[in-house]
Amino acid sequence: MTKTAGELSAAIGAELEGNRAFEVRGMAAPERAGTHDLIYVEAAKHAGRAAKSAAGCVIAGEGVTIGGKTILRHAQPKVAFAKASAMLVERAPIATGIHATAIVAPLARVGKNVSIGPYAVIGEDAHIGDGTQIGAHCVIGAGVWIGEECRIHPRVTLYARVRIGHRVEIHAGTAIGADGFGYVYGDGRYWKFPQVGIVEIGDDVEIGANATIDRGSLDDTRIAEGVKIDNLVHVGHNVQIGAHTVIAAQTGISGSSSLGHHVVVGGQVGIADHCTLEDGAIAGAQAGIPTGKTIRAGQTVWGTPAREIGKFKEAYAWYARLPELGARIKEIERKISAKEKMKSSPQRAQRAQRRKGK
């Protein structure tokens, strides 16, 4: 899509310096950009890259000087660049129209301009909102509710009664609404605990490929608006995730844990059951949060078991010195042992004293 520099500056809230009528047709890294591509520069140390680039339009931070180009001045260039992408990058369609091989149940309600790909299955009483696209081989279970302008990529499975908000994007292979891992032990065996809740996903959520989100047990699993979940993340039953939280790949969140709003969870974090991460908390990559633990609002933790990052760094520094400290301890033990042997033998101690006197 083509936009003028003036149109972009108004849309992203940038101050325009240069040719308002300059046409921007795409976006790229500085080294790969063509004349009509948009690039961005966050710091003055990268200004040289932008100056050498063929790009004619640059989003630049305060104090960054680049001659001969149209500048869109913004305090947060990377954020502004991301906002501009929505206007410049046309996303490839997931499906076009309703394919002849798609199976749509008679009682399913399909909105206007909905696209359904090959071999997709839409169950009874499912609701598909206007403008939503559903990819090939998706299975949309009975009673599922999907809002408007959603993008459901191929081979996504939505179990019965799952509720999806508006403008949600779900990437390939994800399964939402499977039973949670709930069992109780009695009479020498495990009994399945009821998994009768649902999954509710708010507006503007994005869920990566091959993620799994379990339905609630007696309560519901809820993911609030604006949450971003990476590939291969598992969300257990009854989990609550607050607005605009981000969760990186291979994280596992066990049942009945609660994450507040604007929480940041790094890759491969393990969150045990009944944990609480309060608003704005940060869990560093591979952190392990044990059952029932609370991470306070705004706190950053790391390590296993997770601890405040200052304490983790201190402990890790000592851990890195263990070989050196071990060698020193052995030397101290050797000297102590030698002194004890000398004390235990008076003759040996006298000979050692005479040698010192010489």
Protein backbone atom coordinates (compact mmCIF):
# COMPACT_ATOMS: atom_id res chain seq x y z
CA MET A 1 0.00 0.00 0.00
CA THR A 2 1.19 3.53 -0.77
CA LYS A 3 1.00 6.43 1.69
CA THR A 4 2.52 9.89 1.58
CA ALA A 5 4.93 11.00 4.26
CA GLY A 6 2.31 13.52 5.35
CA GLU A 7 -0.33 10.81 5.79
CA LEU A 8 2.07 8.65 7.78
CA SER A 9 3.18 11.48 10.05
CA ALA A 10 -0.43 12.30 10.91
CA ALA A 11 -1.31 8.65 11.55
CA ILE A 12 1.63 7.86 13.84
CA GLY A 13 1.87 11.24 15.55
CA ALA A 14 5.28 12.19 14.14
CA GLU A 15 6.67 15.60 13.25
CA LEU A 16 7.38 15.86 9.53
CA GLU A 17 10.68 17.28 8.27
CA GLY A 18 10.96 17.34 4.49
CA ASN A 19 8.75 16.41 1.54
CA ARG A 20 5.16 15.92 2.70
CA ALA A 21 4.19 14.44 -0.68
CA PHE A 22 6.94 11.79 -0.70
CA GLU A 23 5.40 8.40 -1.48
CA VAL A 24 6.19 5.51 0.86
CA ARG A 25 5.34 2.07 -0.55
CA GLY A 26 6.96 -0.36 1.86
CA MET A 27 9.35 -0.82 4.76
CA ALA A 28 12.69 -2.54 5.20
CA ALA A 29 16.02 -2.64 7.04
CA PRO A 30 18.34 0.20 5.96
CA GLU A 31 20.65 -2.08 3.97
CA ARG A 32 17.80 -3.67 2.01
CA ALA A 33 15.58 -0.64 1.50
CA GLY A 34 14.65 0.83 -1.86
CA THR A 35 13.97 4.48 -2.62
CA HIS A 36 10.32 4.36 -1.52
CA ASP A 37 10.81 2.17 1.56
CA LEU A 38 10.48 3.43 5.13
CA ILE A 39 13.25 2.74 7.67
CA TYR A 40 13.78 3.77 11.29
CA VAL A 41 16.69 4.90 13.47
CA GLU A 42 16.46 4.89 17.26
CA ALA A 43 19.87 6.31 18.20
CA ALA A 44 22.47 8.64 16.72
CA LYS A 45 25.01 5.80 16.56
CA HIS A 46 22.92 4.20 13.78
CA ALA A 47 22.54 7.40 11.74
CA GLY A 48 25.32 6.31 9.39
CA ARG A 49 23.37 3.23 8.34
CA ALA A 50 20.37 5.37 7.52
CA ALA A 51 22.46 7.93 5.63
CA LYS A 52 23.92 5.20 3.39
CA SER A 53 20.50 3.61 2.80
CA ALA A 54 18.59 4.13 -0.45
CA ALA A 55 15.43 4.78 1.58
CA GLY A 56 13.98 8.26 1.09
CA CYS A 57 11.98 8.38 4.33
CA VAL A 58 13.19 7.72 7.88
CA ILE A 59 11.51 7.58 11.27
CA ALA A 60 14.15 9.02 13.61
CA GLY A 61 14.44 9.81 17.29
CA GLU A 62 15.15 13.19 18.80
CA GLY A 63 18.61 14.54 18.01
CA VAL A 64 19.31 12.11 15.15
CA THR A 65 20.52 14.03 12.09
CA ILE A 66 20.27 12.46 8.62
CA GLY A 67 20.71 14.66 5.59
CA GLY A 68 18.91 14.38 2.26
CA LYS A 69 15.89 12.39 3.48
CA THR A 70 12.34 13.06 4.60
CA ILE A 71 12.26 12.62 8.39
CA LEU A 72 9.35 11.55 10.57
CA ARG A 73 10.50 12.69 14.00
CA HIS A 74 9.16 10.57 16.88
CA ALA A 75 10.18 9.96 20.50
CA GLN A 76 9.75 6.19 20.03
CA PRO A 77 10.91 5.35 16.49
CA LYS A 78 10.46 1.59 16.80
CA VAL A 79 6.89 1.95 18.09
CA ALA A 80 6.11 4.44 15.32
CA PHE A 81 7.60 2.06 12.73
CA ALA A 82 5.35 -0.75 13.99
CA LYS A 83 2.30 1.51 13.77
CA ALA A 84 3.24 2.52 10.21
CA SER A 85 3.46 -1.14 9.19
CA ALA A 86 -0.30 -1.50 9.66
CA MET A 87 -0.77 1.11 6.93
CA LEU A 88 1.95 -0.05 4.55
CA VAL A 89 2.08 -3.86 4.72
CA GLU A 90 -0.82 -5.75 3.23
CA ARG A 91 -1.10 -9.13 4.89
CA ALA A 92 -1.59 -12.25 2.79
CA PRO A 93 -5.11 -13.66 3.05
CA ILE A 94 -5.59 -16.89 4.98
CA ALA A 95 -8.59 -17.90 2.87
CA THR A 96 -10.75 -16.37 0.15
CA GLY A 97 -14.46 -17.09 0.13
CA ILE A 98 -15.91 -20.35 1.46
CA HIS A 99 -14.13 -23.29 -0.17
CA ALA A 100 -16.21 -26.07 -1.70
CA THR A 101 -14.62 -28.67 0.60
CA ALA A 102 -15.35 -26.77 3.80
CA ILE A 103 -18.05 -28.28 6.01
CA VAL A 104 -20.33 -25.73 7.65
CA ALA A 105 -23.03 -27.08 9.99
CA PRO A 106 -26.59 -26.07 9.12
CA LEU A 107 -27.07 -24.18 12.38
CA ALA A 108 -23.74 -22.36 12.25
CA ARG A 109 -24.01 -18.57 11.91
CA VAL A 110 -21.52 -17.15 9.44
CA GLY A 111 -21.20 -13.37 9.17
CA LYS A 112 -20.53 -11.14 6.18
CA ASN A 113 -17.29 -11.43 4.19
CA VAL A 114 -16.18 -14.53 6.09
CA SER A 115 -13.58 -16.73 4.39
CA ILE A 116 -13.24 -20.45 5.17
CA GLY A 117 -10.40 -22.51 3.70
CA PRO A 118 -10.29 -26.06 2.31
CA TYR A 119 -11.47 -28.93 4.56
CA ALA A 120 -12.25 -26.66 7.50
CA VAL A 121 -15.11 -27.80 9.73
CA ILE A 122 -17.54 -25.41 11.41
CA GLY A 123 -19.67 -27.04 14.12
CA GLU A 124 -23.31 -26.57 15.07
CA ASP A 125 -24.28 -23.27 16.70
CA ALA A 126 -20.85 -21.79 15.99
CA HIS A 127 -20.79 -18.04 15.39
CA ILE A 128 -18.24 -16.56 12.97
CA GLY A 129 -18.06 -12.75 13.01
CA ASP A 130 -17.91 -10.48 9.96
CA GLY A 131 -14.63 -10.40 8.06
CA THR A 132 -13.07 -13.33 9.90
CA GLN A 133 -10.76 -15.68 7.98
CA ILE A 134 -10.46 -19.37 8.87
CA GLY A 135 -7.65 -21.40 7.33
CA ALA A 136 -7.51 -24.86 5.81
CA HIS A 137 -8.17 -27.89 8.05
CA CYS A 138 -9.33 -25.81 11.01
CA VAL A 139 -11.91 -27.33 13.34
CA ILE A 140 -14.31 -24.91 14.99
CA GLY A 141 -16.31 -26.83 17.60
CA ALA A 142 -19.98 -26.64 18.47
CA GLY A 143 -21.06 -23.43 20.16
CA VAL A 144 -17.78 -21.60 19.52
CA TRP A 145 -18.13 -17.81 19.28
CA ILE A 146 -15.58 -15.92 17.14
CA GLY A 147 -15.67 -12.15 16.79
CA GLU A 148 -15.06 -9.89 13.80
CA GLU A 149 -11.90 -9.53 11.70
CA CYS A 150 -10.15 -12.51 13.28
CA ARG A 151 -7.39 -14.46 11.52
CA ILE A 152 -7.42 -18.19 12.28
CA HIS A 153 -4.48 -19.87 10.53
CA PRO A 154 -4.51 -23.46 9.19
CA ARG A 155 -5.02 -26.48 11.45
CA VAL A 156 -6.21 -24.52 14.48
CA THR A 157 -8.63 -26.42 16.72
CA LEU A 158 -11.17 -24.59 18.85
CA TYR A 159 -12.99 -27.00 21.15
CA ALA A 160 -16.67 -26.61 21.95
CA ARG A 161 -17.92 -23.33 23.49
CA VAL A 162 -14.63 -21.44 23.25
CA ARG A 163 -15.16 -17.67 22.98
CA ILE A 164 -12.82 -15.52 20.88
CA GLY A 165 -12.99 -11.70 20.80
CA HIS A 166 -12.53 -9.33 17.88
CA ARG A 167 -9.34 -8.95 15.80
CA VAL A 168 -7.75 -12.03 17.37
CA GLU A 169 -4.99 -13.84 15.47
CA ILE A 170 -4.32 -17.53 16.15
CA HIS A 171 -1.40 -19.16 14.37
CA ALA A 172 -1.16 -22.63 12.88
CA GLY A 173 -1.51 -25.75 14.96
CA THR A 174 -2.81 -24.14 18.13
CA ALA A 175 -5.45 -25.96 20.20
CA ILE A 176 -7.76 -24.01 22.48
CA GLY A 177 -10.25 -25.55 24.89
CA ALA A 178 -8.80 -29.01 25.50
CA ASP A 179 -9.39 -30.51 28.94
CA GLY A 180 -7.05 -29.38 31.67
CA PHE A 181 -4.71 -31.78 33.44
CA GLY A 182 -7.00 -32.37 36.38
CA TYR A 183 -7.05 -35.70 38.23
CA VAL A 184 -7.59 -36.83 41.81
CA TYR A 185 -6.15 -40.00 43.32
CA GLY A 186 -8.34 -42.45 45.19
CA ASP A 187 -9.00 -46.18 45.46
CA GLY A 188 -5.66 -46.94 43.84
CA ARG A 189 -6.21 -44.98 40.65
CA TYR A 190 -6.56 -41.48 39.18
CA TRP A 191 -10.05 -40.07 38.61
CA LYS A 192 -10.65 -37.32 36.08
CA PHE A 193 -11.80 -34.12 37.74
CA PRO A 194 -14.55 -32.28 35.82
CA GLN A 195 -13.30 -29.94 33.09
CA VAL A 196 -16.53 -28.11 32.31
CA GLY A 197 -15.42 -24.49 32.09
CA ILE A 198 -14.61 -22.63 28.89
CA VAL A 199 -11.84 -20.44 27.44
CA GLU A 200 -12.51 -16.74 26.97
CA ILE A 201 -10.09 -14.71 24.84
CA GLY A 202 -10.36 -10.93 24.66
CA ASP A 203 -9.96 -8.52 21.75
CA ASP A 204 -6.66 -7.96 19.91
CA VAL A 205 -4.98 -11.06 21.33
CA GLU A 206 -2.34 -12.88 19.27
CA ILE A 207 -1.47 -16.52 19.93
CA GLY A 208 1.55 -18.18 18.33
CA ALA A 209 1.86 -21.51 16.53
CA ASN A 210 1.32 -24.79 18.38
CA ALA A 211 0.25 -23.16 21.61
CA THR A 212 -2.24 -24.95 23.88
CA ILE A 213 -4.79 -23.28 26.12
CA ASP A 214 -6.91 -25.53 28.35
CA ARG A 215 -10.52 -24.93 29.26
CA GLY A 216 -11.38 -24.21 32.86
CA SER A 217 -12.24 -26.91 35.35
CA LEU A 218 -15.17 -25.52 37.34
CA ASP A 219 -14.19 -21.93 36.56
CA ASP A 220 -13.08 -20.52 33.16
CA THR A 221 -9.68 -19.84 31.62
CA ARG A 222 -9.52 -16.14 30.70
CA ILE A 223 -7.09 -14.19 28.56
CA ALA A 224 -7.72 -10.45 28.54
CA GLU A 225 -7.41 -7.97 25.68
CA GLY A 226 -4.08 -7.25 24.01
CA VAL A 227 -2.25 -10.30 25.36
CA LYS A 228 0.54 -11.67 23.12
CA ILE A 229 1.44 -15.36 23.46
CA ASP A 230 4.41 -16.85 21.61
CA ASN A 231 4.76 -20.27 19.95
CA LEU A 232 4.68 -23.46 22.04
CA VAL A 233 3.24 -21.88 25.17
CA HIS A 234 0.96 -23.95 27.40
CA VAL A 235 -1.75 -22.31 29.51
CA GLY A 236 -3.39 -24.61 32.04
CA HIS A 237 -6.97 -24.72 33.26
CA ASN A 238 -8.45 -21.79 35.21
CA VAL A 239 -5.46 -19.57 34.43
CA GLN A 240 -6.19 -15.83 34.36
CA ILE A 241 -4.00 -13.55 32.21
CA GLY A 242 -4.40 -9.79 32.46
CA ALA A 243 -4.44 -7.22 29.68
CA HIS A 244 -1.35 -6.55 27.53
CA THR A 245 0.74 -9.28 29.11
CA VAL A 246 3.41 -10.89 26.89
CA ILE A 247 4.56 -14.51 27.20
CA ALA A 248 7.56 -15.88 25.28
CA ALA A 249 8.01 -19.32 23.73
CA GLN A 250 8.02 -22.64 25.61
CA THR A 251 6.59 -21.18 28.79
CA GLY A 252 4.26 -23.39 30.83
CA ILE A 253 1.63 -21.93 33.15
CA SER A 254 0.03 -24.46 35.48
CA GLY A 255 -3.57 -24.51 36.58
CA SER A 256 -5.20 -21.75 38.60
CA SER A 257 -2.26 -19.36 38.32
CA SER A 258 -2.97 -15.68 37.80
CA LEU A 259 -0.98 -13.10 35.81
CA GLY A 260 -1.84 -9.42 36.14
CA HIS A 261 -1.81 -6.80 33.41
CA HIS A 262 1.42 -5.81 31.59
CA VAL A 263 3.30 -8.82 32.96
CA VAL A 264 6.37 -9.94 30.96
CA VAL A 265 7.28 -13.64 30.92
CA GLY A 266 10.52 -14.74 29.23
CA GLY A 267 11.14 -17.92 27.27
CA GLN A 268 10.99 -21.35 28.93
CA VAL A 269 9.62 -20.02 32.20
CA GLY A 270 7.88 -22.60 34.36
CA ILE A 271 5.00 -21.33 36.50
CA ALA A 272 3.61 -23.90 38.91
CA ASP A 273 -0.03 -24.07 40.03
CA HIS A 274 -1.74 -21.38 42.10
CA CYS A 275 1.00 -18.79 41.52
CA THR A 276 0.37 -15.07 41.23
CA LEU A 277 2.36 -12.63 39.12
CA GLU A 278 1.05 -9.20 40.00
CA ASP A 279 0.72 -6.27 37.58
CA GLY A 280 3.93 -5.35 35.78
CA ALA A 281 5.97 -8.27 37.13
CA ILE A 282 8.80 -9.66 34.98
CA ALA A 283 9.97 -13.28 34.98
CA GLY A 284 13.33 -13.74 33.23
CA ALA A 285 13.99 -16.58 30.79
CA GLN A 286 13.99 -20.09 32.31
CA ALA A 287 12.80 -18.83 35.68
CA GLY A 288 11.06 -21.44 37.81
CA ILE A 289 8.22 -20.20 40.01
CA PRO A 290 7.17 -22.80 42.63
CA THR A 291 3.64 -23.61 43.68
CA GLY A 292 1.72 -20.83 45.38
CA LYS A 293 4.44 -18.20 45.07
CA THR A 294 3.53 -14.53 44.57
CA ILE A 295 5.69 -12.21 42.48
CA ARG A 296 4.91 -8.66 43.59
CA ALA A 297 3.85 -5.85 41.28
CA GLY A 298 6.75 -4.45 39.28
CA GLN A 299 9.22 -7.02 40.62
CA THR A 300 11.75 -8.71 38.32
CA VAL A 301 12.70 -12.29 39.15
CA TRP A 302 15.07 -14.85 37.67
CA GLY A 303 16.43 -18.29 38.39
CA THR A 304 15.00 -21.49 39.88
CA PRO A 305 13.47 -21.14 42.34
CA ALA A 306 12.71 -17.61 41.15
CA ARG A 307 14.09 -14.80 43.28
CA GLU A 308 14.50 -11.04 43.02
CA ILE A 309 16.98 -10.30 40.24
CA GLY A 310 19.53 -8.59 42.52
CA LYS A 311 19.67 -11.64 44.80
CA PHE A 312 19.82 -13.95 41.78
CA LYS A 313 22.82 -12.08 40.32
CA GLU A 314 24.63 -12.15 43.65
CA ALA A 315 24.04 -15.88 44.08
CA TYR A 316 25.00 -16.56 40.47
CA ALA A 317 28.28 -14.66 40.88
CA TRP A 318 29.19 -16.88 43.84
CA TYR A 319 28.14 -19.96 41.89
CA ALA A 320 30.52 -19.03 39.05
CA ARG A 321 33.39 -18.83 41.57
CA LEU A 322 32.77 -22.29 43.08
CA PRO A 323 35.81 -23.99 41.44
CA GLU A 324 38.13 -21.24 42.72
CA LEU A 325 36.55 -21.25 46.17
CA GLY A 326 36.69 -25.04 46.28
CA ALA A 327 40.45 -24.98 45.60
CA ARG A 328 40.99 -22.39 48.36
CA ILE A 329 38.98 -24.44 50.85
CA LYS A 330 41.00 -27.55 50.04
CA GLU A 331 44.25 -25.61 50.63
CA ILE A 332 42.95 -24.29 53.96
CA GLU A 333 41.91 -27.82 54.97
CA ARG A 334 45.37 -29.14 54.02
CA LYS A 335 47.09 -26.54 56.21
CA ILE A 336 44.74 -27.20 59.15
CA SER A 337 45.30 -30.93 58.81
CA ALA A 338 49.07 -30.45 58.83
CA LYS A 339 48.92 -28.33 62.01
CA GLU A 340 46.74 -30.89 63.76
CA LYS A 341 49.20 -33.66 62.92
CA MET A 342 52.06 -31.64 64.34
CA LYS A 343 50.13 -30.98 67.55
CA SER A 344 49.42 -34.66 67.94
CA SER A 345 53.18 -35.52 67.79
CA PRO A 346 55.34 -33.48 70.25
CA GLN A 347 58.60 -34.82 68.81
CA ARG A 348 57.59 -33.79 65.32
CA ALA A 349 56.60 -30.33 66.61
CA GLN A 350 59.99 -29.95 68.40
CA ARG A 351 61.89 -30.88 65.25
CA ALA A 352 59.86 -28.40 63.23
CA GLN A 353 60.60 -25.71 65.88
CA ARG A 354 64.34 -26.43 65.71
CA ARG A 355 64.25 -26.16 61.92
CA LYS A 356 62.59 -22.73 62.26
CA GLY A 357 65.34 -21.69 64.74
CA LYS A 358 68.05 -22.49 62.24
